[in-house]
Amino acid sequence: MGEKTIDVRKGDPCRGEIAVYLSGRKVLRMKITKREIGRLEEVVRSDNYVLVIPSAVTVEGAVAYLRQLYDGYDGVFTAYYVVRLMG
């Protein structure tokens, strides 16, 4: 399994250049290097789906997982391309 380097979220892009992920007391900060906006099938493609959902076997599997996560949402999605901050 690879590393997740694209984070897909529903809605228009947020401002800022740093993504902050919180999990309990752990904080992970990553630099946003690129944004893509569109329908889910436009931002999750055959050339990048394993960077979105590393455990996915197919692009259809990755899209299905995200559809279940965002149950009922049928709007615009933003794909954030992220890299770890050193330090």
Protein backbone atom coordinates (compact mmCIF):
# COMPACT_ATOMS: atom_id res chain seq x y z
CA MET A 1 0.00 0.00 0.00
CA GLY A 2 1.29 3.45 -0.92
CA GLU A 3 1.13 6.80 0.77
CA LYS A 4 -1.96 9.01 0.57
CA THR A 5 -0.85 12.24 -1.12
CA ILE A 6 -4.19 13.48 -2.47
CA ASP A 7 -6.99 14.42 -0.07
CA VAL A 8 -10.45 14.71 -1.64
CA ARG A 9 -13.05 16.81 0.18
CA LYS A 10 -16.53 17.89 -0.77
CA GLY A 11 -17.10 21.51 -1.66
CA ASP A 12 -15.14 24.38 -3.11
CA PRO A 13 -11.46 24.74 -2.20
CA CYS A 14 -10.47 26.22 1.13
CA ARG A 15 -7.90 28.98 1.38
CA GLY A 16 -4.43 28.46 2.71
CA GLU A 17 -1.31 26.56 1.78
CA ILE A 18 -1.11 24.19 4.78
CA ALA A 19 -3.51 21.30 5.47
CA VAL A 20 -3.84 20.36 9.16
CA TYR A 21 -5.08 16.90 10.13
CA LEU A 22 -6.04 16.13 13.72
CA SER A 23 -6.37 12.64 15.18
CA GLY A 24 -6.72 12.71 18.93
CA ARG A 25 -3.58 14.43 20.22
CA LYS A 26 -1.67 13.87 16.98
CA VAL A 27 -1.35 16.76 14.53
CA LEU A 28 -0.10 16.37 10.96
CA ARG A 29 0.65 19.41 8.81
CA MET A 30 1.11 19.07 5.07
CA LYS A 31 1.81 21.59 2.32
CA ILE A 32 -0.82 21.88 -0.40
CA THR A 33 1.00 21.89 -3.75
CA LYS A 34 -1.99 21.75 -6.11
CA ARG A 35 -5.79 21.81 -6.15
CA GLU A 36 -8.23 20.28 -8.63
CA ILE A 37 -11.95 21.03 -8.59
CA GLY A 38 -14.73 19.07 -10.27
CA ARG A 39 -17.16 16.19 -10.03
CA LEU A 40 -15.88 13.20 -8.06
CA GLU A 41 -15.14 11.21 -11.25
CA GLU A 42 -13.14 14.17 -12.60
CA VAL A 43 -10.82 14.49 -9.60
CA VAL A 44 -10.42 10.75 -8.89
CA ARG A 45 -9.06 9.15 -12.04
CA SER A 46 -7.22 6.03 -13.19
CA ASP A 47 -3.91 7.93 -12.98
CA ASN A 48 -4.32 9.03 -9.33
CA TYR A 49 -6.88 6.91 -7.44
CA VAL A 50 -4.25 5.00 -5.41
CA LEU A 51 -2.89 8.34 -4.16
CA VAL A 52 -6.42 9.17 -2.91
CA ILE A 53 -7.33 5.76 -1.43
CA PRO A 54 -4.13 3.65 -1.20
CA SER A 55 -6.06 0.45 -0.44
CA ALA A 56 -8.28 0.77 -3.54
CA VAL A 57 -7.83 -1.86 -6.23
CA THR A 58 -9.69 0.07 -8.96
CA VAL A 59 -10.70 3.64 -9.66
CA GLU A 60 -14.32 2.51 -9.32
CA GLY A 61 -13.55 1.17 -5.84
CA ALA A 62 -11.99 4.48 -4.78
CA VAL A 63 -14.97 6.45 -6.11
CA ALA A 64 -17.43 4.07 -4.42
CA TYR A 65 -15.61 4.47 -1.09
CA LEU A 66 -15.78 8.28 -1.33
CA ARG A 67 -19.44 8.18 -2.43
CA GLN A 68 -20.23 6.16 0.71
CA LEU A 69 -18.21 8.56 2.86
CA TYR A 70 -20.05 11.60 1.45
CA ASP A 71 -23.45 9.87 1.31
CA GLY A 72 -25.96 11.84 -0.69
CA TYR A 73 -23.59 14.64 -1.73
CA ASP A 74 -23.58 15.20 -5.49
CA GLY A 75 -21.80 18.52 -5.87
CA VAL A 76 -18.30 19.76 -6.50
CA PHE A 77 -15.24 18.13 -4.91
CA THR A 78 -11.74 19.47 -4.34
CA ALA A 79 -8.63 17.29 -4.60
CA TYR A 80 -5.76 18.66 -2.51
CA TYR A 81 -2.31 17.42 -3.53
CA VAL A 82 -0.20 17.41 -0.37
CA VAL A 83 3.40 16.75 0.70
CA ARG A 84 4.79 16.28 4.19
CA LEU A 85 6.40 19.28 5.80
CA MET A 86 9.92 18.62 6.98
CA GLY A 87 10.77 19.47 10.53
